[in-house]
Amino acid sequence: MKKLDLSRHEKEIVDQALDFWKANGSLDDQKVQELRTTIDERSFEWKVLARYAFWVALASLIFSVVSLFSDNALEKFIQQFYDTPNVIFCFFFAGLAFAFYFLGFRNKKRYPEKTFSNETLMLAGSFSTAACIGFLGQVLDRENHFFSILFFLSILIYGVLSVKLSSKLIWIFTLVALGIWFATETAYHSDWGWKFWGMNYPLRFTIFGAILTTAAIFVQPKFASLKPFKSTSIIIGLLYTMIALWCLSIFGNYSDFEAWTKIRQYEILYWGLLAIALSLGLALYGLKRKDTVIRDIGFVFFLINLYTRFVEYLWDNINRTIFFLILAISFWVVGRWSEKIWKKQQSSSE
């Protein structure tokens, strides 16, 4: 049966419409379920990615030209703030955060339908909160444990705001703040060294991401206020795990750069094999469950890990011309494959 291919945002709108018609009695439950089976969520937007990449490149070029002509003026402007105490910046961003939160809550109450503008105000408040805490951390001595407590405070602030506003974007800030707190707390208890309980940062965050993902699947749904953020937590947890595991496959569980340079990459190959196996497992799980996000995360990191191993073991062993030729051909194959998927999606939706 031919299905309607929609983006995630479009599918969410259609789902909301179906729920609305079901609630007011326009459609019965059986008909709603029947209509849902005719909808498919579009996978990764390759064409959109290409368009955004060109836009970013153009914007970067513009900023580069502007910076070239205004560099002296910008430098003089920044120099005026070199001697300003960090506590001043801390109070400034605290006031700015309060103003954004006040406007956000007020607009949320007065204009609840303006979701985008309200959430933008809250995001601005989130950025200001992060800046305020950052400068407050500069004021306090990092040897003091209160430095770590500040990051924990930001988790509570972001968590409450995300629940109150039902904002998945602010929930992302909560999980990012949780990661920063975890790094700071473990660093404090290891006297600001690179290892904590024999684990360097990549290994620590591999475990941290795995715990976060597991908690999102089994623990978070038990709390009604946190249940809507389950999918977001799973994605962030997987990203923590896969990025950290990729770093672990390159550097191993080493905290000393000189010691790492003396080893051969095959000595830590088991981390690379684990990263490849896990990413491939995620890709296959996503395909089986028709979960496009998990599938794409697995597929992207599967490619990243394969190319990383390719560079590690072939860079010093084959001619540079052949190396880049193989790389070019492989990327061309991936590009052609992505293009076929995109064209197939287009033809099926017509």
Protein backbone atom coordinates (compact mmCIF):
# COMPACT_ATOMS: atom_id res chain seq x y z
CA MET A 1 0.00 0.00 0.00
CA LYS A 2 1.29 3.40 -0.97
CA LYS A 3 1.98 5.62 2.04
CA LEU A 4 2.24 9.38 2.56
CA ASP A 5 5.89 10.35 3.10
CA LEU A 6 6.12 13.21 5.61
CA SER A 7 8.90 14.95 7.48
CA ARG A 8 8.96 14.63 11.29
CA HIS A 9 7.44 18.09 11.75
CA GLU A 10 4.69 17.40 9.20
CA LYS A 11 3.95 14.02 10.80
CA GLU A 12 3.64 15.63 14.25
CA ILE A 13 1.10 18.11 12.85
CA VAL A 14 -0.95 15.33 11.24
CA ASP A 15 -0.82 13.29 14.47
CA GLN A 16 -2.07 16.30 16.43
CA ALA A 17 -4.92 16.75 13.93
CA LEU A 18 -5.90 13.07 14.20
CA ASP A 19 -5.86 13.26 18.02
CA PHE A 20 -8.03 16.38 17.87
CA TRP A 21 -10.59 14.78 15.54
CA LYS A 22 -10.60 11.65 17.73
CA ALA A 23 -11.16 13.73 20.89
CA ASN A 24 -14.15 15.66 19.48
CA GLY A 25 -15.74 12.53 18.01
CA SER A 26 -15.17 13.29 14.32
CA LEU A 27 -13.18 10.07 13.93
CA ASP A 28 -13.37 6.83 15.89
CA ASP A 29 -10.33 5.05 17.28
CA GLN A 30 -10.29 2.39 14.54
CA LYS A 31 -10.32 4.99 11.76
CA VAL A 32 -7.53 6.98 13.43
CA GLN A 33 -5.35 3.87 13.67
CA GLU A 34 -6.12 3.06 10.03
CA LEU A 35 -5.09 6.55 8.92
CA ARG A 36 -1.88 6.41 10.97
CA THR A 37 -0.78 3.29 9.09
CA THR A 38 -0.88 5.26 5.83
CA ILE A 39 1.78 7.70 7.06
CA ASP A 40 5.54 7.21 6.95
CA GLU A 41 8.12 9.50 8.55
CA ARG A 42 10.70 10.68 6.05
CA SER A 43 14.25 9.70 6.92
CA PHE A 44 17.29 11.98 6.92
CA GLU A 45 16.78 15.09 4.76
CA TRP A 46 19.84 14.86 2.52
CA LYS A 47 18.71 17.67 0.23
CA VAL A 48 18.01 19.96 3.20
CA LEU A 49 21.44 19.18 4.63
CA ALA A 50 23.09 20.19 1.35
CA ARG A 51 21.10 23.44 1.19
CA TYR A 52 21.94 24.35 4.77
CA ALA A 53 25.61 23.57 4.18
CA PHE A 54 25.69 26.03 1.29
CA TRP A 55 23.92 28.66 3.39
CA VAL A 56 26.41 28.22 6.23
CA ALA A 57 29.31 28.46 3.77
CA LEU A 58 27.87 31.67 2.31
CA ALA A 59 27.25 33.16 5.76
CA SER A 60 30.78 32.25 6.85
CA LEU A 61 32.20 33.93 3.77
CA ILE A 62 30.23 37.09 4.51
CA PHE A 63 31.41 37.13 8.14
CA SER A 64 34.95 36.57 6.95
CA VAL A 65 34.82 39.61 4.66
CA VAL A 66 33.15 41.76 7.30
CA SER A 67 35.75 40.74 9.89
CA LEU A 68 38.53 41.60 7.48
CA PHE A 69 37.39 45.21 7.28
CA SER A 70 36.25 45.67 10.87
CA ASP A 71 38.96 43.76 12.68
CA ASN A 72 40.67 46.81 14.20
CA ALA A 73 37.44 48.36 15.38
CA LEU A 74 36.28 45.06 16.89
CA GLU A 75 39.58 44.59 18.70
CA LYS A 76 39.43 48.07 20.21
CA PHE A 77 35.83 47.46 21.32
CA ILE A 78 36.70 44.17 23.06
CA GLN A 79 39.78 45.66 24.74
CA GLN A 80 37.49 48.03 26.65
CA PHE A 81 36.15 45.05 28.61
CA TYR A 82 39.46 43.33 29.42
CA ASP A 83 39.67 44.84 32.90
CA THR A 84 35.99 44.43 33.76
CA PRO A 85 35.58 42.10 36.80
CA ASN A 86 33.90 38.75 36.11
CA VAL A 87 31.33 39.47 38.81
CA ILE A 88 29.97 42.35 36.69
CA PHE A 89 29.43 40.01 33.74
CA CYS A 90 27.85 37.50 36.11
CA PHE A 91 25.25 39.99 37.36
CA PHE A 92 24.67 41.29 33.83
CA PHE A 93 23.82 37.85 32.44
CA ALA A 94 21.77 37.01 35.54
CA GLY A 95 19.64 40.10 34.90
CA LEU A 96 19.42 39.25 31.23
CA ALA A 97 18.31 35.68 32.02
CA PHE A 98 15.66 36.96 34.45
CA ALA A 99 14.34 39.36 31.78
CA PHE A 100 14.11 36.62 29.15
CA TYR A 101 12.42 34.18 31.55
CA PHE A 102 9.94 36.86 32.67
CA LEU A 103 9.03 37.70 29.08
CA GLY A 104 8.86 34.03 28.17
CA PHE A 105 6.50 33.10 31.02
CA ARG A 106 4.35 36.19 30.41
CA ASN A 107 4.04 35.51 26.69
CA LYS A 108 3.37 31.83 27.38
CA LYS A 109 0.40 32.87 29.50
CA ARG A 110 -0.89 35.59 27.18
CA TYR A 111 -0.11 34.02 23.81
CA PRO A 112 0.14 30.23 24.29
CA GLU A 113 -0.29 29.69 20.56
CA LYS A 114 3.00 31.48 19.78
CA THR A 115 5.08 28.42 20.55
CA PHE A 116 8.13 29.35 18.52
CA SER A 117 8.56 32.90 19.82
CA ASN A 118 7.93 31.83 23.43
CA GLU A 119 10.48 29.04 23.21
CA THR A 120 12.99 31.39 21.59
CA LEU A 121 12.75 33.69 24.60
CA MET A 122 13.30 30.78 26.96
CA LEU A 123 16.27 29.57 24.94
CA ALA A 124 17.77 33.05 25.15
CA GLY A 125 17.26 32.85 28.91
CA SER A 126 18.96 29.45 28.92
CA PHE A 127 22.01 30.83 27.11
CA SER A 128 22.14 33.76 29.52
CA THR A 129 21.89 31.38 32.49
CA ALA A 130 24.81 29.36 31.14
CA ALA A 131 26.88 32.53 30.69
CA CYS A 132 25.99 33.71 34.21
CA ILE A 133 27.03 30.39 35.76
CA GLY A 134 30.20 30.37 33.68
CA PHE A 135 31.29 33.79 34.94
CA LEU A 136 30.28 32.90 38.49
CA GLY A 137 32.54 29.87 38.19
CA GLN A 138 35.39 32.21 37.21
CA VAL A 139 34.73 34.27 40.33
CA LEU A 140 34.85 31.23 42.61
CA ASP A 141 37.98 29.17 43.11
CA ARG A 142 37.64 25.97 41.11
CA GLU A 143 39.24 24.04 43.97
CA ASN A 144 36.08 24.82 45.89
CA HIS A 145 33.32 22.21 45.50
CA PHE A 146 30.75 24.98 44.98
CA PHE A 147 32.10 25.27 41.45
CA SER A 148 30.57 21.86 40.65
CA ILE A 149 27.39 22.65 42.57
CA LEU A 150 26.80 25.62 40.25
CA PHE A 151 26.49 23.30 37.27
CA PHE A 152 24.12 21.08 39.25
CA LEU A 153 22.02 24.19 39.92
CA SER A 154 21.79 24.85 36.18
CA ILE A 155 20.44 21.30 35.71
CA LEU A 156 17.62 22.04 38.14
CA ILE A 157 16.82 25.38 36.47
CA TYR A 158 16.74 23.90 32.96
CA GLY A 159 14.81 20.84 34.13
CA VAL A 160 12.05 22.88 35.78
CA LEU A 161 11.77 25.20 32.77
CA SER A 162 11.60 22.34 30.27
CA VAL A 163 8.80 20.65 32.24
CA LYS A 164 6.86 23.88 32.83
CA LEU A 165 7.07 24.88 29.16
CA SER A 166 7.01 21.34 27.71
CA SER A 167 10.14 22.35 25.80
CA LYS A 168 12.29 19.60 24.31
CA LEU A 169 14.92 22.16 23.32
CA ILE A 170 15.40 23.29 26.92
CA TRP A 171 15.44 19.62 27.96
CA ILE A 172 18.47 19.27 25.68
CA PHE A 173 20.11 22.07 27.70
CA THR A 174 19.30 20.08 30.83
CA LEU A 175 21.10 17.00 29.54
CA VAL A 176 24.05 19.03 28.28
CA ALA A 177 24.32 20.69 31.70
CA LEU A 178 24.13 17.22 33.26
CA GLY A 179 27.12 16.17 31.15
CA ILE A 180 29.10 19.27 32.14
CA TRP A 181 28.30 18.66 35.81
CA PHE A 182 29.40 15.01 35.49
CA ALA A 183 32.72 16.06 33.93
CA THR A 184 33.29 18.75 36.56
CA GLU A 185 32.33 16.54 39.51
CA THR A 186 34.57 13.66 38.46
CA ALA A 187 37.42 16.08 37.71
CA TYR A 188 37.08 17.64 41.17
CA HIS A 189 37.25 14.24 42.89
CA SER A 190 40.35 13.34 40.87
CA ASP A 191 42.15 16.59 41.83
CA TRP A 192 41.47 17.96 38.32
CA GLY A 193 43.42 15.15 36.73
CA TRP A 194 42.57 13.35 33.51
CA LYS A 195 41.59 10.05 35.17
CA PHE A 196 38.81 9.22 37.60
CA TRP A 197 38.70 5.67 39.00
CA GLY A 198 41.19 4.72 36.27
CA MET A 199 38.99 6.10 33.47
CA ASN A 200 39.80 9.01 31.17
CA TYR A 201 37.09 11.34 29.83
CA PRO A 202 36.11 9.30 26.72
CA LEU A 203 35.63 6.13 28.76
CA ARG A 204 33.73 8.01 31.47
CA PHE A 205 31.34 9.55 28.95
CA THR A 206 30.86 6.26 27.13
CA ILE A 207 29.53 4.80 30.38
CA PHE A 208 27.67 8.04 31.22
CA GLY A 209 25.89 7.98 27.85
CA ALA A 210 24.97 4.31 28.25
CA ILE A 211 23.50 4.98 31.72
CA LEU A 212 21.59 8.03 30.43
CA THR A 213 20.13 6.02 27.54
CA THR A 214 19.15 3.14 29.83
CA ALA A 215 17.50 5.53 32.31
CA ALA A 216 15.59 7.21 29.47
CA ILE A 217 14.18 3.85 28.33
CA PHE A 218 13.33 2.23 31.66
CA VAL A 219 13.14 4.95 34.34
CA GLN A 220 11.97 8.16 32.67
CA PRO A 221 8.58 6.81 31.45
CA LYS A 222 7.63 6.13 35.08
CA PHE A 223 7.43 9.90 35.71
CA ALA A 224 4.50 11.54 33.92
CA SER A 225 6.21 14.95 33.71
CA LEU A 226 9.34 13.45 32.11
CA LYS A 227 7.69 10.93 29.80
CA PRO A 228 7.33 13.39 26.85
CA PHE A 229 11.12 13.83 26.82
CA LYS A 230 11.92 10.11 26.55
CA SER A 231 12.89 10.16 22.85
CA THR A 232 15.02 13.28 23.30
CA SER A 233 16.88 11.70 26.22
CA ILE A 234 17.53 8.54 24.21
CA ILE A 235 18.99 10.54 21.32
CA ILE A 236 21.23 12.66 23.57
CA GLY A 237 22.31 9.57 25.51
CA LEU A 238 23.22 7.76 22.29
CA LEU A 239 25.15 10.79 21.02
CA TYR A 240 27.09 10.98 24.30
CA THR A 241 27.90 7.27 24.00
CA MET A 242 28.82 7.19 20.32
CA ILE A 243 30.95 10.36 20.30
CA ALA A 244 32.82 9.29 23.45
CA LEU A 245 33.29 5.75 22.13
CA TRP A 246 34.64 7.12 18.85
CA CYS A 247 37.18 9.21 20.80
CA LEU A 248 37.98 6.14 22.89
CA SER A 249 38.66 4.13 19.71
CA ILE A 250 41.29 6.72 18.73
CA PHE A 251 42.97 7.54 22.05
CA GLY A 252 42.18 4.49 24.16
CA ASN A 253 42.01 4.82 27.93
CA TYR A 254 45.14 6.99 28.00
CA SER A 255 45.46 10.29 29.83
CA ASP A 256 49.07 11.00 28.93
CA PHE A 257 49.68 12.27 25.39
CA GLU A 258 53.30 11.14 25.33
CA ALA A 259 52.34 7.61 26.39
CA TRP A 260 49.61 7.52 23.72
CA THR A 261 52.06 8.52 20.95
CA LYS A 262 54.26 5.51 21.78
CA ILE A 263 51.56 2.90 21.18
CA ARG A 264 50.44 1.37 17.88
CA GLN A 265 46.78 1.80 16.97
CA TYR A 266 46.22 -1.95 16.70
CA GLU A 267 46.87 -2.14 20.47
CA ILE A 268 43.55 -0.37 21.10
CA LEU A 269 41.73 -1.92 18.13
CA TYR A 270 39.18 -3.53 20.46
CA TRP A 271 37.67 -0.11 21.18
CA GLY A 272 37.31 0.49 17.43
CA LEU A 273 35.68 -2.90 16.93
CA LEU A 274 33.27 -2.17 19.79
CA ALA A 275 32.38 1.21 18.24
CA ILE A 276 31.76 -0.38 14.82
CA ALA A 277 29.70 -3.23 16.32
CA LEU A 278 27.56 -0.87 18.43
CA SER A 279 26.92 1.58 15.59
CA LEU A 280 26.02 -1.27 13.22
CA GLY A 281 23.73 -2.71 15.89
CA LEU A 282 21.94 0.65 16.24
CA ALA A 283 21.53 0.93 12.47
CA LEU A 284 20.03 -2.57 12.23
CA TYR A 285 17.79 -1.97 15.27
CA GLY A 286 16.55 1.29 13.72
CA LEU A 287 15.78 -0.48 10.44
CA LYS A 288 13.91 -3.27 12.21
CA ARG A 289 11.90 -0.92 14.43
CA LYS A 290 11.50 1.70 11.69
CA ASP A 291 13.09 4.26 14.01
CA THR A 292 14.72 6.65 11.56
CA VAL A 293 16.61 8.65 14.21
CA ILE A 294 18.35 5.65 15.80
CA ARG A 295 18.97 4.20 12.35
CA ASP A 296 20.61 7.41 11.14
CA ILE A 297 22.74 7.74 14.29
CA GLY A 298 23.94 4.17 13.87
CA PHE A 299 24.58 4.56 10.16
CA VAL A 300 26.48 7.87 10.50
CA PHE A 301 28.73 6.60 13.29
CA PHE A 302 29.25 3.31 11.45
CA LEU A 303 30.66 5.32 8.53
CA ILE A 304 32.67 7.61 10.84
CA ASN A 305 34.26 4.65 12.60
CA LEU A 306 34.99 2.84 9.34
CA TYR A 307 36.69 5.92 7.86
CA THR A 308 38.60 6.48 11.10
CA ARG A 309 39.99 2.95 10.96
CA PHE A 310 40.70 3.50 7.27
CA VAL A 311 42.82 6.57 8.04
CA GLU A 312 44.54 4.95 11.03
CA TYR A 313 45.72 1.82 9.25
CA LEU A 314 46.23 2.99 5.67
CA TRP A 315 47.59 6.56 5.98
CA ASP A 316 51.17 5.45 6.62
CA ASN A 317 50.97 2.25 4.60
CA ILE A 318 49.87 3.23 1.09
CA ASN A 319 50.66 5.93 -1.45
CA ARG A 320 48.90 9.25 -0.75
CA THR A 321 47.46 9.38 -4.28
CA ILE A 322 45.90 5.95 -3.92
CA PHE A 323 44.70 6.82 -0.40
CA PHE A 324 42.76 9.89 -1.52
CA LEU A 325 41.54 8.10 -4.66
CA ILE A 326 40.02 5.34 -2.52
CA LEU A 327 38.55 7.95 -0.20
CA ALA A 328 37.05 9.89 -3.11
CA ILE A 329 35.52 6.75 -4.64
CA SER A 330 34.02 5.67 -1.32
CA PHE A 331 32.44 9.08 -0.71
CA TRP A 332 31.12 9.07 -4.29
CA VAL A 333 29.48 5.70 -3.65
CA VAL A 334 27.89 7.02 -0.43
CA GLY A 335 26.73 10.15 -2.27
CA ARG A 336 25.19 8.13 -5.10
CA TRP A 337 23.46 5.87 -2.62
CA SER A 338 22.06 8.87 -0.71
CA GLU A 339 20.89 10.42 -3.99
CA LYS A 340 19.05 7.22 -4.94
CA ILE A 341 17.29 7.16 -1.56
CA TRP A 342 16.25 10.79 -1.95
CA LYS A 343 14.94 10.25 -5.51
CA LYS A 344 13.10 7.11 -4.43
CA GLN A 345 11.42 9.06 -1.62
CA GLN A 346 10.42 11.76 -4.09
CA SER A 347 8.95 9.32 -6.60
CA SER A 348 7.03 7.39 -3.91
CA SER A 349 5.47 10.58 -2.54
CA GLU A 350 4.24 11.77 -5.93
